[in-house]
N, C-alpha and C. Protein backbone atom coordinates (compact mmCIF):
# COMPACT_ATOMS: atom_id res chain seq x y z
N MET A 1 -34.49 -25.98 -39.29
CA MET A 1 -34.60 -27.13 -39.67
C MET A 1 -35.50 -26.98 -40.75
N VAL A 2 -36.49 -26.78 -41.50
CA VAL A 2 -38.41 -26.77 -41.42
C VAL A 2 -38.55 -28.23 -41.40
N PRO A 3 -40.65 -27.09 -41.02
CA PRO A 3 -41.00 -28.48 -40.07
C PRO A 3 -41.89 -28.89 -41.91
N VAL A 4 -41.88 -30.67 -41.01
CA VAL A 4 -42.16 -31.96 -41.76
C VAL A 4 -43.09 -31.46 -43.26
N HIS A 5 -44.00 -30.33 -42.50
CA HIS A 5 -45.56 -29.85 -42.84
C HIS A 5 -45.81 -29.27 -43.88
N GLN A 6 -44.31 -28.41 -43.62
CA GLN A 6 -44.15 -26.90 -45.28
C GLN A 6 -43.14 -27.47 -45.61
N LEU A 7 -42.36 -29.12 -45.40
CA LEU A 7 -42.06 -28.70 -47.15
C LEU A 7 -42.41 -30.32 -47.69
N ALA A 8 -44.02 -30.53 -46.74
CA ALA A 8 -44.38 -30.98 -47.60
C ALA A 8 -45.21 -30.53 -48.12
N GLY A 9 -46.21 -29.14 -48.51
CA GLY A 9 -46.78 -28.15 -48.81
C GLY A 9 -45.52 -27.58 -49.40
N SER A 10 -44.34 -27.20 -49.93
CA SER A 10 -43.72 -26.48 -50.91
C SER A 10 -43.28 -27.90 -52.33
N LEU A 11 -43.23 -28.53 -51.51
CA LEU A 11 -43.21 -30.24 -52.51
C LEU A 11 -43.97 -29.80 -53.56
N SER A 12 -45.20 -30.43 -53.09
CA SER A 12 -46.96 -30.04 -53.77
C SER A 12 -45.93 -28.56 -54.38
N LYS A 13 -46.19 -27.64 -54.51
CA LYS A 13 -46.21 -27.15 -55.21
C LYS A 13 -44.84 -26.57 -56.13
N PHE A 14 -43.77 -27.02 -55.81
CA PHE A 14 -42.68 -27.69 -57.05
C PHE A 14 -42.34 -28.24 -57.42
N TYR A 15 -43.70 -30.20 -57.02
CA TYR A 15 -44.05 -30.69 -58.39
C TYR A 15 -44.53 -30.29 -59.62
N CYS A 16 -45.33 -28.40 -59.48
CA CYS A 16 -46.59 -28.58 -60.02
C CYS A 16 -45.39 -27.69 -60.95
N GLU A 17 -44.44 -27.60 -60.99
CA GLU A 17 -44.00 -25.96 -61.19
C GLU A 17 -42.70 -26.33 -61.72
N ALA A 18 -41.96 -27.39 -61.23
CA ALA A 18 -40.64 -27.69 -62.43
C ALA A 18 -41.35 -27.35 -63.77
N ARG A 19 -39.96 -27.19 -63.89
CA ARG A 19 -39.72 -27.68 -65.45
C ARG A 19 -38.31 -27.01 -65.09
N PRO A 20 -37.62 -27.75 -66.48
CA PRO A 20 -36.24 -27.49 -67.53
C PRO A 20 -36.13 -26.82 -68.63
N LEU A 21 -35.21 -25.97 -68.15
CA LEU A 21 -34.45 -25.01 -68.91
C LEU A 21 -35.51 -24.72 -70.32
N PRO A 22 -35.82 -24.06 -71.07
CA PRO A 22 -36.14 -24.54 -72.26
C PRO A 22 -35.14 -24.43 -72.92
N LYS A 23 -34.67 -25.15 -74.02
CA LYS A 23 -33.87 -25.21 -74.83
C LYS A 23 -33.58 -24.00 -76.23
N ASN A 24 -34.61 -23.72 -76.78
CA ASN A 24 -34.64 -22.47 -76.68
C ASN A 24 -36.27 -21.73 -76.85
N GLU A 25 -36.67 -20.36 -77.24
CA GLU A 25 -37.44 -19.31 -77.31
C GLU A 25 -38.63 -20.27 -77.02
N LYS A 26 -39.03 -21.08 -78.58
CA LYS A 26 -39.77 -21.14 -79.56
C LYS A 26 -40.42 -21.98 -78.35
N ASP A 27 -39.91 -23.06 -77.21
CA ASP A 27 -39.62 -23.54 -76.07
C ASP A 27 -40.53 -23.69 -74.76
N ILE A 28 -41.63 -23.60 -75.16
CA ILE A 28 -41.80 -22.48 -73.77
C ILE A 28 -42.54 -23.52 -72.64
N GLU A 29 -43.10 -24.73 -74.14
CA GLU A 29 -43.93 -25.41 -72.97
C GLU A 29 -43.49 -27.12 -72.30
N ASN A 30 -41.31 -26.66 -71.63
CA ASN A 30 -40.88 -27.10 -71.32
C ASN A 30 -41.97 -28.46 -70.27
N LEU A 31 -41.61 -29.87 -70.15
CA LEU A 31 -42.04 -29.83 -69.26
C LEU A 31 -41.59 -31.50 -69.01
N TYR A 32 -40.68 -31.99 -68.11
CA TYR A 32 -39.99 -32.90 -67.56
C TYR A 32 -40.84 -34.01 -68.07
N ASN A 33 -40.11 -35.06 -68.27
CA ASN A 33 -40.73 -36.96 -68.60
C ASN A 33 -41.12 -37.07 -67.08
N LEU A 34 -41.69 -38.75 -67.40
CA LEU A 34 -42.58 -38.54 -65.80
C LEU A 34 -41.59 -39.64 -64.97
N ASN A 35 -40.53 -39.91 -65.96
CA ASN A 35 -39.03 -40.17 -65.26
C ASN A 35 -38.54 -39.60 -64.15
N SER A 36 -37.98 -38.16 -65.33
CA SER A 36 -37.65 -37.74 -64.66
C SER A 36 -37.99 -36.64 -62.90
N LEU A 37 -39.58 -36.76 -63.35
CA LEU A 37 -39.95 -35.93 -62.37
C LEU A 37 -39.95 -37.27 -61.25
N LEU A 38 -39.93 -38.27 -61.05
CA LEU A 38 -39.75 -39.64 -59.62
C LEU A 38 -38.34 -39.58 -59.39
N SER A 39 -37.08 -39.63 -60.03
CA SER A 39 -35.98 -39.11 -60.69
C SER A 39 -35.66 -37.76 -59.31
N ILE A 40 -36.70 -37.16 -59.12
CA ILE A 40 -36.34 -35.64 -59.21
C ILE A 40 -36.72 -35.93 -57.34
N ARG A 41 -38.05 -36.62 -57.11
CA ARG A 41 -38.27 -36.54 -56.04
C ARG A 41 -37.35 -37.86 -55.06
N ALA A 42 -36.88 -39.02 -55.72
CA ALA A 42 -36.11 -39.41 -55.13
C ALA A 42 -34.78 -39.29 -55.07
N ALA A 43 -34.88 -38.06 -55.55
CA ALA A 43 -33.13 -37.56 -55.35
C ALA A 43 -32.86 -37.01 -54.12
N ILE A 44 -34.33 -36.16 -53.57
CA ILE A 44 -34.44 -35.48 -52.56
C ILE A 44 -34.84 -36.51 -51.20
N ASN A 45 -35.10 -36.59 -51.14
CA ASN A 45 -35.53 -38.18 -50.00
C ASN A 45 -34.20 -39.06 -49.54
N ARG A 46 -33.59 -39.26 -51.33
CA ARG A 46 -31.34 -39.93 -50.32
C ARG A 46 -31.67 -38.70 -50.14
N HIS A 47 -31.33 -36.77 -50.48
CA HIS A 47 -30.55 -36.38 -49.73
C HIS A 47 -31.55 -35.62 -47.91
N LEU A 48 -32.83 -35.82 -47.93
CA LEU A 48 -32.92 -35.48 -46.77
C LEU A 48 -32.54 -36.88 -45.94
N SER A 49 -32.30 -37.88 -46.58
CA SER A 49 -31.89 -38.71 -45.24
C SER A 49 -29.84 -38.86 -44.95
N ASP A 50 -29.12 -38.27 -46.06
CA ASP A 50 -28.25 -37.70 -46.19
C ASP A 50 -27.63 -36.97 -45.19
N ILE A 51 -29.15 -36.18 -44.50
CA ILE A 51 -28.34 -35.23 -43.49
C ILE A 51 -29.51 -35.78 -43.07
N TYR A 52 -28.99 -36.73 -41.85
CA TYR A 52 -30.04 -37.26 -41.32
C TYR A 52 -31.24 -36.80 -41.12
N ARG A 53 -32.11 -36.68 -41.75
CA ARG A 53 -33.44 -36.07 -41.07
C ARG A 53 -34.67 -37.38 -41.19
N ASN A 54 -35.43 -38.07 -40.95
CA ASN A 54 -35.35 -39.25 -40.58
C ASN A 54 -37.25 -38.83 -41.36
N ASP A 55 -38.10 -38.16 -42.59
CA ASP A 55 -38.75 -37.71 -42.65
C ASP A 55 -38.54 -38.71 -44.73
N ASP A 56 -38.84 -39.59 -44.56
CA ASP A 56 -39.85 -40.42 -45.60
C ASP A 56 -40.88 -40.33 -46.70
N MET A 57 -40.07 -39.16 -47.73
CA MET A 57 -41.15 -38.47 -48.45
C MET A 57 -41.94 -39.71 -48.81
N LEU A 58 -41.38 -41.08 -49.62
CA LEU A 58 -42.62 -41.48 -50.05
C LEU A 58 -43.41 -42.44 -49.58
N ARG A 59 -42.58 -42.95 -48.30
CA ARG A 59 -43.47 -43.32 -47.33
C ARG A 59 -44.21 -43.09 -46.20
N GLY A 60 -43.21 -42.03 -45.95
CA GLY A 60 -44.40 -41.13 -45.24
C GLY A 60 -45.60 -40.85 -44.73
N ASN A 61 -46.58 -40.60 -44.10
CA ASN A 61 -47.71 -40.38 -43.77
C ASN A 61 -47.83 -38.43 -44.08
N GLU A 62 -47.29 -37.98 -44.04
CA GLU A 62 -47.39 -36.14 -43.79
C GLU A 62 -46.72 -36.22 -45.60
N PHE A 63 -46.59 -37.21 -46.70
CA PHE A 63 -46.10 -36.52 -47.26
C PHE A 63 -47.00 -37.61 -49.00
N LYS A 64 -48.06 -37.83 -46.93
CA LYS A 64 -49.49 -38.29 -48.89
C LYS A 64 -49.93 -37.21 -49.51
N THR A 65 -50.35 -36.28 -49.30
CA THR A 65 -50.94 -35.10 -50.64
C THR A 65 -49.82 -34.63 -51.37
N SER A 66 -49.32 -34.22 -51.22
CA SER A 66 -47.72 -34.30 -52.05
C SER A 66 -47.79 -35.29 -53.39
N ASN A 67 -47.13 -36.30 -53.32
CA ASN A 67 -47.24 -37.91 -53.48
C ASN A 67 -48.77 -37.82 -53.97
N ASN A 68 -49.38 -37.87 -53.52
CA ASN A 68 -51.36 -37.47 -54.25
C ASN A 68 -51.37 -36.68 -55.70
N ILE A 69 -50.65 -35.30 -55.09
CA ILE A 69 -50.73 -34.28 -56.50
C ILE A 69 -49.60 -35.09 -57.28
N LEU A 70 -48.49 -35.05 -56.78
CA LEU A 70 -47.37 -35.89 -58.19
C LEU A 70 -47.91 -37.28 -58.67
N ASP A 71 -48.32 -37.60 -58.37
CA ASP A 71 -49.87 -39.01 -58.78
C ASP A 71 -50.55 -38.34 -60.19
N GLY A 72 -51.37 -37.06 -59.77
CA GLY A 72 -52.22 -36.78 -60.30
C GLY A 72 -51.04 -35.95 -60.63
N LEU A 73 -51.04 -35.25 -61.12
CA LEU A 73 -50.11 -34.91 -62.29
C LEU A 73 -49.27 -35.92 -62.93
N LEU A 74 -48.68 -36.60 -62.36
CA LEU A 74 -47.89 -37.78 -63.58
C LEU A 74 -49.71 -37.96 -64.63
N LYS A 75 -50.04 -38.58 -64.01
CA LYS A 75 -51.05 -38.68 -64.91
C LYS A 75 -52.09 -38.12 -65.76
N GLN A 76 -52.66 -36.90 -65.14
CA GLN A 76 -53.10 -35.68 -66.44
C GLN A 76 -52.45 -35.81 -67.99
N ARG A 77 -50.47 -35.34 -66.92
CA ARG A 77 -49.26 -35.69 -68.82
C ARG A 77 -49.98 -37.45 -69.77
N THR A 78 -50.68 -37.75 -69.59
CA THR A 78 -50.21 -38.67 -70.04
C THR A 78 -51.83 -39.35 -70.16
N ARG A 79 -52.24 -38.57 -69.96
CA ARG A 79 -54.08 -38.58 -70.73
C ARG A 79 -53.33 -37.53 -72.45
N PRO A 80 -53.71 -36.20 -72.10
CA PRO A 80 -53.76 -36.02 -73.19
C PRO A 80 -52.16 -36.31 -74.16
N GLY A 81 -50.69 -36.48 -73.94
CA GLY A 81 -49.98 -36.63 -74.61
C GLY A 81 -48.98 -35.71 -74.71
N LEU A 82 -48.81 -35.72 -74.08
CA LEU A 82 -48.08 -33.93 -72.74
C LEU A 82 -46.82 -34.10 -72.73
N SER A 83 -47.23 -35.81 -72.36
CA SER A 83 -45.48 -36.01 -71.88
C SER A 83 -44.56 -36.50 -72.75
N LYS A 84 -43.15 -36.41 -72.36
CA LYS A 84 -42.81 -36.54 -74.09
C LYS A 84 -42.59 -38.22 -73.82
N PRO A 85 -42.32 -38.57 -75.04
CA PRO A 85 -42.15 -40.19 -74.98
C PRO A 85 -40.29 -40.78 -75.37
N VAL A 86 -40.50 -42.04 -74.57
CA VAL A 86 -39.66 -42.13 -74.60
C VAL A 86 -38.61 -41.92 -76.15
N THR A 87 -37.12 -41.60 -76.06
CA THR A 87 -36.47 -41.34 -77.42
C THR A 87 -35.47 -42.72 -76.90
N HIS A 88 -36.04 -44.13 -77.88
CA HIS A 88 -34.42 -44.83 -77.89
C HIS A 88 -32.94 -44.22 -78.57
N LYS A 89 -32.26 -44.81 -78.67
CA LYS A 89 -31.34 -45.17 -79.23
C LYS A 89 -30.75 -45.86 -80.94
N LYS A 90 -29.93 -45.89 -81.49
CA LYS A 90 -30.38 -47.04 -82.49
C LYS A 90 -29.85 -48.43 -82.10
N VAL A 91 -29.76 -49.21 -82.76
CA VAL A 91 -29.18 -50.34 -82.10
C VAL A 91 -27.86 -50.52 -83.39
N ILE A 92 -27.44 -50.57 -82.26
CA ILE A 92 -25.35 -50.73 -82.88
C ILE A 92 -25.19 -51.69 -83.15
N GLY A 93 -25.20 -51.82 -84.85
CA GLY A 93 -24.49 -52.78 -85.13
C GLY A 93 -23.88 -53.76 -85.18
N LEU A 94 -23.26 -55.54 -85.95
CA LEU A 94 -22.88 -56.16 -84.83
C LEU A 94 -21.50 -55.03 -85.94
N ALA A 95 -21.14 -55.33 -87.44
CA ALA A 95 -20.29 -54.37 -87.25
C ALA A 95 -19.31 -53.66 -87.45
N ASP A 96 -20.46 -52.61 -85.86
CA ASP A 96 -20.61 -51.61 -85.91
C ASP A 96 -19.43 -51.95 -84.67
N MET A 97 -19.80 -52.64 -83.81
CA MET A 97 -19.12 -53.48 -82.22
C MET A 97 -18.37 -54.05 -82.46
N LYS A 98 -17.97 -54.78 -84.09
CA LYS A 98 -16.60 -55.56 -84.26
C LYS A 98 -15.48 -54.15 -84.10
N ASN A 99 -15.62 -53.22 -85.20
CA ASN A 99 -14.57 -51.82 -85.74
C ASN A 99 -14.28 -51.64 -84.13
N LYS A 100 -15.49 -51.37 -83.23
CA LYS A 100 -14.71 -50.64 -81.82
C LYS A 100 -13.89 -51.38 -80.81
N ILE A 101 -14.81 -52.73 -80.89
CA ILE A 101 -13.82 -53.26 -80.47
C ILE A 101 -12.14 -53.02 -80.64
N LEU A 102 -11.56 -53.30 -81.83
CA LEU A 102 -10.72 -53.65 -82.41
C LEU A 102 -9.77 -52.36 -82.60
N LEU A 103 -11.03 -50.78 -82.46
CA LEU A 103 -10.47 -49.98 -81.91
C LEU A 103 -9.20 -49.34 -80.40
N PHE A 104 -9.88 -50.16 -79.16
CA PHE A 104 -8.91 -50.53 -77.50
C PHE A 104 -7.81 -51.44 -77.72
């Protein structure tokens, strides 16, 4: 089992270096959305609890530095507009909804 301080240090580095796979060769500066990074942290925390490890990454004192690094990273990305904006789907029209219901 990895000691808590080593896990916290690895998470600090991971948060700064995590990148999604590029969609094409020109997409070098591909970054995760802010919500994606928070979801990744929540998923790792859930996994740790699933394997009966009693380390709470969200509220534990051992992870305060790594959480501060993640918070700073998120703030840094929102200031210059590096974070991708949320893209919403188009609203489904009433006629399309009625047609969809009739198909089922």
